[in-house]
Amino acid sequence: MKKISILDLFVVLIVALTLGCNNNNKCPSHESESKLVFSSSDSLKRSFGGAAESKKQLEQFLRDSTSNLFKGEILIINEKTLIEIAEPILFKGYGKENIISQRPYEIYLFGDYWIMSGTLPRVTIGGTFSIAINRRTCQVIGITHGK
């Protein structure tokens, strides 16, 4: 296991304090879910733009839809990709073991919408999940779990 030096901890603390507050010296509120993700060794090897630069980039993306390289393209091209996107969402909402127990999944494509549902053994009483995701935008249209 790699030891963390005092210098690494100091650099992490300075970076966190510097990036954690904006120009008005106000720290992000609980409403903001922004965070910096890196290891202590990254801080000496990488250049960080900071939260302000990231927010500026987001605002530009929201203003200028031409910056979307994949706009209008099909992003979820097959069942495998759908499962890779849907499972973490389902695991978070309903528990990993619960969702895995509903394999194999039933998957259909209707226009631009993938519908994925769990299955149960024939003799089992209960409900399964169902999730609908737009294949072009990856937006979750709806998610539910029967009883």
N, C-alpha and C. Protein backbone atom coordinates (compact mmCIF):
# COMPACT_ATOMS: atom_id res chain seq x y z
N MET A 1 0.84 -1.16 0.00
CA MET A 1 0.00 0.00 0.00
C MET A 1 0.89 1.24 0.00
N LYS A 2 0.56 2.25 -0.79
CA LYS A 2 1.36 3.46 -0.90
C LYS A 2 1.11 4.36 0.31
N LYS A 3 2.19 4.87 0.91
CA LYS A 3 2.06 5.78 2.03
C LYS A 3 1.78 7.19 1.52
N ILE A 4 0.94 7.90 2.25
CA ILE A 4 0.63 9.28 1.90
C ILE A 4 1.52 10.17 2.75
N SER A 5 2.26 11.06 2.07
CA SER A 5 3.17 11.94 2.80
C SER A 5 2.43 13.16 3.33
N ILE A 6 3.06 13.87 4.23
CA ILE A 6 2.49 15.11 4.79
C ILE A 6 2.32 16.12 3.67
N LEU A 7 3.25 16.15 2.72
CA LEU A 7 3.15 17.07 1.60
C LEU A 7 1.90 16.77 0.77
N ASP A 8 1.64 15.48 0.52
CA ASP A 8 0.43 15.09 -0.23
C ASP A 8 -0.82 15.58 0.49
N LEU A 9 -0.88 15.38 1.78
CA LEU A 9 -2.04 15.81 2.56
C LEU A 9 -2.19 17.32 2.54
N PHE A 10 -1.07 18.04 2.63
CA PHE A 10 -1.09 19.49 2.59
C PHE A 10 -1.61 19.98 1.24
N VAL A 11 -1.11 19.40 0.16
CA VAL A 11 -1.54 19.80 -1.18
C VAL A 11 -3.03 19.53 -1.37
N VAL A 12 -3.49 18.38 -0.92
CA VAL A 12 -4.91 18.04 -1.02
C VAL A 12 -5.75 19.05 -0.25
N LEU A 13 -5.31 19.40 0.95
CA LEU A 13 -6.04 20.37 1.78
C LEU A 13 -6.09 21.72 1.08
N ILE A 14 -4.98 22.19 0.55
CA ILE A 14 -4.93 23.49 -0.13
C ILE A 14 -5.84 23.47 -1.36
N VAL A 15 -5.76 22.41 -2.18
CA VAL A 15 -6.60 22.30 -3.37
C VAL A 15 -8.07 22.28 -2.98
N ALA A 16 -8.41 21.50 -1.97
CA ALA A 16 -9.80 21.41 -1.54
C ALA A 16 -10.31 22.76 -1.05
N LEU A 17 -9.52 23.46 -0.26
CA LEU A 17 -9.93 24.77 0.23
C LEU A 17 -10.04 25.78 -0.90
N THR A 18 -9.11 25.74 -1.84
CA THR A 18 -9.11 26.67 -2.96
C THR A 18 -10.30 26.43 -3.88
N LEU A 19 -10.55 25.19 -4.21
CA LEU A 19 -11.62 24.87 -5.16
C LEU A 19 -12.98 24.77 -4.50
N GLY A 20 -13.00 24.59 -3.21
CA GLY A 20 -14.26 24.39 -2.51
C GLY A 20 -15.09 25.65 -2.34
N CYS A 21 -14.50 26.82 -2.52
CA CYS A 21 -15.22 28.08 -2.35
C CYS A 21 -15.07 28.92 -3.61
N ASN A 22 -16.12 29.68 -3.93
CA ASN A 22 -16.07 30.51 -5.14
C ASN A 22 -15.42 31.86 -4.83
N ASN A 23 -15.47 32.79 -5.78
CA ASN A 23 -14.81 34.09 -5.62
C ASN A 23 -15.39 34.92 -4.49
N ASN A 24 -16.63 34.67 -4.10
CA ASN A 24 -17.26 35.41 -3.02
C ASN A 24 -16.96 34.81 -1.66
N ASN A 25 -16.05 33.85 -1.60
CA ASN A 25 -15.68 33.15 -0.38
C ASN A 25 -16.87 32.44 0.27
N LYS A 26 -17.81 32.05 -0.52
CA LYS A 26 -18.94 31.26 -0.03
C LYS A 26 -18.72 29.83 -0.48
N CYS A 27 -18.84 28.91 0.45
CA CYS A 27 -18.68 27.50 0.10
C CYS A 27 -19.96 27.01 -0.56
N PRO A 28 -19.88 25.97 -1.42
CA PRO A 28 -21.07 25.46 -2.08
C PRO A 28 -22.11 25.03 -1.07
N SER A 29 -23.37 25.30 -1.37
CA SER A 29 -24.45 24.91 -0.47
C SER A 29 -24.71 23.42 -0.60
N HIS A 30 -25.57 22.91 0.29
CA HIS A 30 -25.94 21.50 0.22
C HIS A 30 -26.74 21.20 -1.05
N GLU A 31 -27.30 22.25 -1.68
CA GLU A 31 -28.06 22.06 -2.91
C GLU A 31 -27.13 21.66 -4.06
N SER A 32 -25.89 22.11 -3.99
CA SER A 32 -24.91 21.79 -5.03
C SER A 32 -24.28 20.44 -4.73
N GLU A 33 -24.20 19.61 -5.74
CA GLU A 33 -23.59 18.29 -5.55
C GLU A 33 -22.22 18.24 -6.21
N SER A 34 -21.59 19.41 -6.39
CA SER A 34 -20.29 19.43 -7.04
C SER A 34 -19.24 18.88 -6.09
N LYS A 35 -18.27 18.18 -6.68
CA LYS A 35 -17.17 17.67 -5.88
C LYS A 35 -15.98 17.40 -6.78
N LEU A 36 -14.82 17.47 -6.19
CA LEU A 36 -13.57 17.20 -6.88
C LEU A 36 -13.17 15.77 -6.56
N VAL A 37 -12.90 14.98 -7.58
CA VAL A 37 -12.55 13.58 -7.37
C VAL A 37 -11.13 13.34 -7.89
N PHE A 38 -10.22 13.02 -6.97
CA PHE A 38 -8.86 12.70 -7.34
C PHE A 38 -8.16 12.05 -6.17
N SER A 39 -7.03 11.43 -6.44
CA SER A 39 -6.23 10.88 -5.36
C SER A 39 -5.12 11.88 -5.04
N SER A 40 -4.49 11.71 -3.89
CA SER A 40 -3.46 12.66 -3.48
C SER A 40 -2.30 12.71 -4.46
N SER A 41 -1.99 11.61 -5.11
CA SER A 41 -0.87 11.61 -6.06
C SER A 41 -1.23 12.36 -7.34
N ASP A 42 -2.54 12.45 -7.65
CA ASP A 42 -2.97 13.20 -8.84
C ASP A 42 -2.65 14.68 -8.72
N SER A 43 -2.74 15.23 -7.51
CA SER A 43 -2.62 16.66 -7.32
C SER A 43 -1.27 17.20 -7.77
N LEU A 44 -0.25 16.39 -7.76
CA LEU A 44 1.07 16.84 -8.18
C LEU A 44 1.34 16.58 -9.66
N LYS A 45 0.54 15.73 -10.29
CA LYS A 45 0.80 15.31 -11.66
C LYS A 45 -0.18 15.90 -12.68
N ARG A 46 -1.29 16.46 -12.20
CA ARG A 46 -2.35 16.88 -13.10
C ARG A 46 -2.67 18.36 -12.91
N SER A 47 -3.23 18.96 -13.94
CA SER A 47 -3.68 20.34 -13.89
C SER A 47 -5.19 20.35 -13.76
N PHE A 48 -5.74 21.08 -12.80
CA PHE A 48 -7.17 21.14 -12.56
C PHE A 48 -7.70 22.51 -12.97
N GLY A 49 -8.83 22.52 -13.67
CA GLY A 49 -9.45 23.77 -14.08
C GLY A 49 -10.24 24.43 -12.96
N GLY A 50 -10.75 23.62 -12.05
CA GLY A 50 -11.50 24.16 -10.92
C GLY A 50 -13.00 24.17 -11.16
N ALA A 51 -13.73 24.34 -10.07
CA ALA A 51 -15.19 24.32 -10.12
C ALA A 51 -15.74 25.46 -10.97
N ALA A 52 -15.14 26.63 -10.90
CA ALA A 52 -15.63 27.78 -11.67
C ALA A 52 -15.52 27.50 -13.16
N GLU A 53 -14.42 26.93 -13.59
CA GLU A 53 -14.25 26.61 -15.01
C GLU A 53 -15.23 25.52 -15.44
N SER A 54 -15.45 24.53 -14.58
CA SER A 54 -16.40 23.47 -14.90
C SER A 54 -17.82 24.03 -15.01
N LYS A 55 -18.18 24.93 -14.11
CA LYS A 55 -19.51 25.54 -14.17
C LYS A 55 -19.67 26.36 -15.45
N LYS A 56 -18.63 27.09 -15.83
CA LYS A 56 -18.63 27.88 -17.07
C LYS A 56 -18.85 26.96 -18.27
N GLN A 57 -18.19 25.79 -18.28
CA GLN A 57 -18.34 24.84 -19.38
C GLN A 57 -19.77 24.30 -19.44
N LEU A 58 -20.34 23.99 -18.28
CA LEU A 58 -21.72 23.51 -18.23
C LEU A 58 -22.68 24.55 -18.80
N GLU A 59 -22.52 25.79 -18.39
CA GLU A 59 -23.38 26.87 -18.89
C GLU A 59 -23.26 27.00 -20.40
N GLN A 60 -22.06 26.84 -20.94
CA GLN A 60 -21.86 26.90 -22.39
C GLN A 60 -22.58 25.75 -23.08
N PHE A 61 -22.47 24.54 -22.52
CA PHE A 61 -23.18 23.39 -23.08
C PHE A 61 -24.68 23.64 -23.12
N LEU A 62 -25.22 24.20 -22.04
CA LEU A 62 -26.65 24.44 -21.96
C LEU A 62 -27.11 25.51 -22.94
N ARG A 63 -26.26 26.50 -23.22
CA ARG A 63 -26.58 27.56 -24.19
C ARG A 63 -26.45 27.10 -25.63
N ASP A 64 -25.43 26.29 -25.91
CA ASP A 64 -25.06 25.95 -27.28
C ASP A 64 -25.23 24.47 -27.53
N SER A 65 -26.36 24.10 -28.11
CA SER A 65 -26.63 22.68 -28.36
C SER A 65 -25.76 22.10 -29.47
N THR A 66 -25.07 22.95 -30.25
CA THR A 66 -24.21 22.43 -31.31
C THR A 66 -22.94 21.79 -30.76
N SER A 67 -22.65 22.00 -29.47
CA SER A 67 -21.45 21.41 -28.89
C SER A 67 -21.64 19.94 -28.53
N ASN A 68 -22.83 19.41 -28.73
CA ASN A 68 -23.10 18.01 -28.42
C ASN A 68 -22.69 17.14 -29.60
N LEU A 69 -21.57 16.47 -29.46
CA LEU A 69 -21.02 15.63 -30.52
C LEU A 69 -22.00 14.55 -30.97
N PHE A 70 -22.81 14.04 -30.04
CA PHE A 70 -23.69 12.91 -30.34
C PHE A 70 -25.15 13.31 -30.49
N LYS A 71 -25.45 14.59 -30.62
CA LYS A 71 -26.84 15.04 -30.68
C LYS A 71 -27.60 14.29 -31.77
N GLY A 72 -28.68 13.66 -31.36
CA GLY A 72 -29.54 12.95 -32.29
C GLY A 72 -29.10 11.54 -32.62
N GLU A 73 -27.87 11.19 -32.28
CA GLU A 73 -27.40 9.83 -32.56
C GLU A 73 -27.94 8.86 -31.54
N ILE A 74 -28.01 7.61 -31.91
CA ILE A 74 -28.45 6.57 -30.99
C ILE A 74 -27.28 6.22 -30.09
N LEU A 75 -27.44 6.44 -28.79
CA LEU A 75 -26.38 6.18 -27.83
C LEU A 75 -26.51 4.78 -27.22
N ILE A 76 -27.74 4.34 -26.99
CA ILE A 76 -27.95 2.99 -26.45
C ILE A 76 -28.30 2.11 -27.64
N ILE A 77 -27.27 1.48 -28.21
CA ILE A 77 -27.42 0.79 -29.49
C ILE A 77 -27.91 -0.65 -29.38
N ASN A 78 -27.79 -1.23 -28.17
CA ASN A 78 -28.19 -2.63 -28.04
C ASN A 78 -28.55 -2.94 -26.59
N GLU A 79 -29.01 -4.16 -26.38
CA GLU A 79 -29.45 -4.58 -25.04
C GLU A 79 -28.32 -4.56 -24.02
N LYS A 80 -27.11 -4.92 -24.44
CA LYS A 80 -25.97 -4.94 -23.54
C LYS A 80 -25.70 -3.54 -22.98
N THR A 81 -25.70 -2.54 -23.86
CA THR A 81 -25.47 -1.17 -23.42
C THR A 81 -26.60 -0.70 -22.52
N LEU A 82 -27.83 -1.06 -22.85
CA LEU A 82 -28.97 -0.70 -22.00
C LEU A 82 -28.79 -1.25 -20.59
N ILE A 83 -28.42 -2.50 -20.49
CA ILE A 83 -28.24 -3.13 -19.18
C ILE A 83 -27.12 -2.43 -18.40
N GLU A 84 -26.02 -2.08 -19.08
CA GLU A 84 -24.91 -1.39 -18.42
C GLU A 84 -25.33 -0.03 -17.88
N ILE A 85 -26.28 0.62 -18.52
CA ILE A 85 -26.76 1.92 -18.06
C ILE A 85 -27.85 1.75 -17.00
N ALA A 86 -28.77 0.83 -17.22
CA ALA A 86 -29.93 0.69 -16.34
C ALA A 86 -29.61 0.02 -15.00
N GLU A 87 -28.77 -0.99 -14.99
CA GLU A 87 -28.53 -1.72 -13.75
C GLU A 87 -28.05 -0.84 -12.59
N PRO A 88 -27.07 0.03 -12.76
CA PRO A 88 -26.65 0.86 -11.61
C PRO A 88 -27.79 1.73 -11.07
N ILE A 89 -28.65 2.20 -11.94
CA ILE A 89 -29.80 2.99 -11.51
C ILE A 89 -30.76 2.12 -10.71
N LEU A 90 -31.03 0.94 -11.23
CA LEU A 90 -31.93 0.00 -10.55
C LEU A 90 -31.34 -0.49 -9.24
N PHE A 91 -30.04 -0.77 -9.22
CA PHE A 91 -29.38 -1.22 -7.99
C PHE A 91 -29.54 -0.17 -6.89
N LYS A 92 -29.36 1.09 -7.27
CA LYS A 92 -29.46 2.17 -6.29
C LYS A 92 -30.88 2.27 -5.73
N GLY A 93 -31.86 2.12 -6.58
CA GLY A 93 -33.23 2.29 -6.15
C GLY A 93 -33.85 1.09 -5.46
N TYR A 94 -33.48 -0.11 -5.89
CA TYR A 94 -34.17 -1.31 -5.42
C TYR A 94 -33.26 -2.37 -4.82
N GLY A 95 -31.96 -2.12 -4.81
CA GLY A 95 -31.02 -3.08 -4.25
C GLY A 95 -30.46 -4.02 -5.31
N LYS A 96 -29.16 -4.22 -5.26
CA LYS A 96 -28.48 -5.03 -6.27
C LYS A 96 -28.98 -6.48 -6.28
N GLU A 97 -29.07 -7.10 -5.12
CA GLU A 97 -29.49 -8.50 -5.06
C GLU A 97 -30.91 -8.68 -5.59
N ASN A 98 -31.79 -7.73 -5.26
CA ASN A 98 -33.17 -7.78 -5.73
C ASN A 98 -33.22 -7.74 -7.26
N ILE A 99 -32.50 -6.82 -7.86
CA ILE A 99 -32.54 -6.67 -9.32
C ILE A 99 -31.87 -7.86 -10.00
N ILE A 100 -30.74 -8.31 -9.50
CA ILE A 100 -30.06 -9.46 -10.10
C ILE A 100 -30.95 -10.70 -10.04
N SER A 101 -31.74 -10.82 -8.98
CA SER A 101 -32.63 -11.99 -8.87
C SER A 101 -33.73 -11.98 -9.92
N GLN A 102 -33.89 -10.85 -10.62
CA GLN A 102 -34.93 -10.73 -11.64
C GLN A 102 -34.38 -10.98 -13.05
N ARG A 103 -33.15 -11.47 -13.14
CA ARG A 103 -32.60 -11.86 -14.44
C ARG A 103 -33.17 -13.21 -14.84
N PRO A 104 -33.31 -13.50 -16.12
CA PRO A 104 -33.00 -12.65 -17.27
C PRO A 104 -34.03 -11.54 -17.42
N TYR A 105 -33.59 -10.44 -18.00
CA TYR A 105 -34.46 -9.30 -18.21
C TYR A 105 -35.26 -9.46 -19.50
N GLU A 106 -36.39 -8.80 -19.52
CA GLU A 106 -37.22 -8.74 -20.72
C GLU A 106 -37.01 -7.35 -21.30
N ILE A 107 -36.57 -7.27 -22.56
CA ILE A 107 -36.19 -5.99 -23.15
C ILE A 107 -36.86 -5.82 -24.51
N TYR A 108 -37.46 -4.64 -24.70
CA TYR A 108 -38.10 -4.31 -25.97
C TYR A 108 -37.72 -2.90 -26.37
N LEU A 109 -37.71 -2.64 -27.68
CA LEU A 109 -37.45 -1.31 -28.22
C LEU A 109 -38.70 -0.84 -28.95
N PHE A 110 -39.24 0.30 -28.52
CA PHE A 110 -40.40 0.91 -29.16
C PHE A 110 -39.98 2.31 -29.60
N GLY A 111 -39.75 2.49 -30.88
CA GLY A 111 -39.28 3.79 -31.38
C GLY A 111 -37.94 4.12 -30.76
N ASP A 112 -37.86 5.23 -30.03
CA ASP A 112 -36.62 5.65 -29.37
C ASP A 112 -36.56 5.24 -27.91
N TYR A 113 -37.45 4.34 -27.48
CA TYR A 113 -37.52 4.00 -26.07
C TYR A 113 -37.28 2.52 -25.82
N TRP A 114 -36.28 2.26 -24.98
CA TRP A 114 -36.03 0.91 -24.50
C TRP A 114 -36.89 0.69 -23.26
N ILE A 115 -37.56 -0.43 -23.19
CA ILE A 115 -38.31 -0.83 -22.00
C ILE A 115 -37.66 -2.11 -21.50
N MET A 116 -37.21 -2.08 -20.26
CA MET A 116 -36.55 -3.24 -19.65
C MET A 116 -37.31 -3.59 -18.37
N SER A 117 -37.64 -4.87 -18.23
CA SER A 117 -38.37 -5.35 -17.05
C SER A 117 -37.70 -6.59 -16.51
N GLY A 118 -37.89 -6.81 -15.22
CA GLY A 118 -37.39 -8.02 -14.60
C GLY A 118 -38.35 -9.18 -14.83
N THR A 119 -37.88 -10.38 -14.57
CA THR A 119 -38.72 -11.58 -14.66
C THR A 119 -38.64 -12.33 -13.33
N LEU A 120 -39.64 -13.13 -13.09
CA LEU A 120 -39.68 -13.96 -11.88
C LEU A 120 -39.89 -15.41 -12.29
N PRO A 121 -39.42 -16.35 -11.48
CA PRO A 121 -39.74 -17.75 -11.75
C PRO A 121 -41.27 -17.92 -11.77
N ARG A 122 -41.75 -18.86 -12.59
CA ARG A 122 -43.20 -19.03 -12.78
C ARG A 122 -43.98 -19.23 -11.49
N VAL A 123 -43.44 -19.89 -10.51
CA VAL A 123 -44.18 -20.18 -9.28
C VAL A 123 -44.03 -19.08 -8.23
N THR A 124 -43.33 -18.01 -8.55
CA THR A 124 -43.09 -16.93 -7.59
C THR A 124 -44.20 -15.89 -7.66
N ILE A 125 -44.63 -15.42 -6.50
CA ILE A 125 -45.60 -14.34 -6.43
C ILE A 125 -44.84 -13.07 -6.06
N GLY A 126 -45.12 -12.00 -6.76
CA GLY A 126 -44.44 -10.74 -6.47
C GLY A 126 -44.37 -9.89 -7.72
N GLY A 127 -43.67 -8.78 -7.62
CA GLY A 127 -43.55 -7.86 -8.74
C GLY A 127 -42.13 -7.73 -9.21
N THR A 128 -42.00 -7.09 -10.32
CA THR A 128 -40.68 -6.86 -10.92
C THR A 128 -40.54 -5.37 -11.24
N PHE A 129 -39.31 -4.97 -11.52
CA PHE A 129 -39.04 -3.59 -11.91
C PHE A 129 -39.40 -3.41 -13.39
N SER A 130 -39.55 -2.16 -13.76
CA SER A 130 -39.70 -1.78 -15.15
C SER A 130 -39.06 -0.41 -15.30
N ILE A 131 -38.26 -0.23 -16.34
CA ILE A 131 -37.60 1.05 -16.58
C ILE A 131 -37.68 1.36 -18.07
N ALA A 132 -37.92 2.63 -18.39
CA ALA A 132 -37.95 3.09 -19.78
C ALA A 132 -36.87 4.16 -19.93
N ILE A 133 -36.04 4.00 -20.97
CA ILE A 133 -34.92 4.92 -21.20
C ILE A 133 -34.90 5.32 -22.67
N ASN A 134 -34.74 6.61 -22.94
CA ASN A 134 -34.63 7.12 -24.30
C ASN A 134 -33.27 6.70 -24.87
N ARG A 135 -33.27 6.05 -26.01
CA ARG A 135 -32.02 5.52 -26.57
C ARG A 135 -31.12 6.59 -27.17
N ARG A 136 -31.64 7.79 -27.42
CA ARG A 136 -30.83 8.88 -27.98
C ARG A 136 -30.27 9.79 -26.89
N THR A 137 -31.03 10.04 -25.85
CA THR A 137 -30.61 10.99 -24.80
C THR A 137 -30.19 10.29 -23.51
N CYS A 138 -30.49 9.02 -23.37
CA CYS A 138 -30.23 8.24 -22.15
C CYS A 138 -31.08 8.72 -20.97
N GLN A 139 -32.11 9.50 -21.24
CA GLN A 139 -32.98 9.99 -20.17
C GLN A 139 -33.88 8.86 -19.69
N VAL A 140 -33.96 8.71 -18.37
CA VAL A 140 -34.89 7.75 -17.78
C VAL A 140 -36.27 8.37 -17.86
N ILE A 141 -37.16 7.72 -18.61
CA ILE A 141 -38.52 8.23 -18.81
C ILE A 141 -39.41 7.82 -17.65
N GLY A 142 -39.20 6.63 -17.14
CA GLY A 142 -39.99 6.15 -16.02
C GLY A 142 -39.33 4.93 -15.39
N ILE A 143 -39.61 4.74 -14.10
CA ILE A 143 -39.05 3.60 -13.39
C ILE A 143 -40.04 3.21 -12.29
N THR A 144 -40.27 1.91 -12.14
CA THR A 144 -41.22 1.44 -11.14
C THR A 144 -40.86 0.02 -10.73
N HIS A 145 -41.49 -0.42 -9.64
CA HIS A 145 -41.31 -1.79 -9.19
C HIS A 145 -42.63 -2.26 -8.62
N GLY A 146 -43.17 -3.35 -9.16
CA GLY A 146 -44.42 -3.91 -8.67
C GLY A 146 -44.22 -4.63 -7.35
N LYS A 147 -45.35 -4.98 -6.73
CA LYS A 147 -45.28 -5.68 -5.44
C LYS A 147 -45.76 -7.10 -5.57
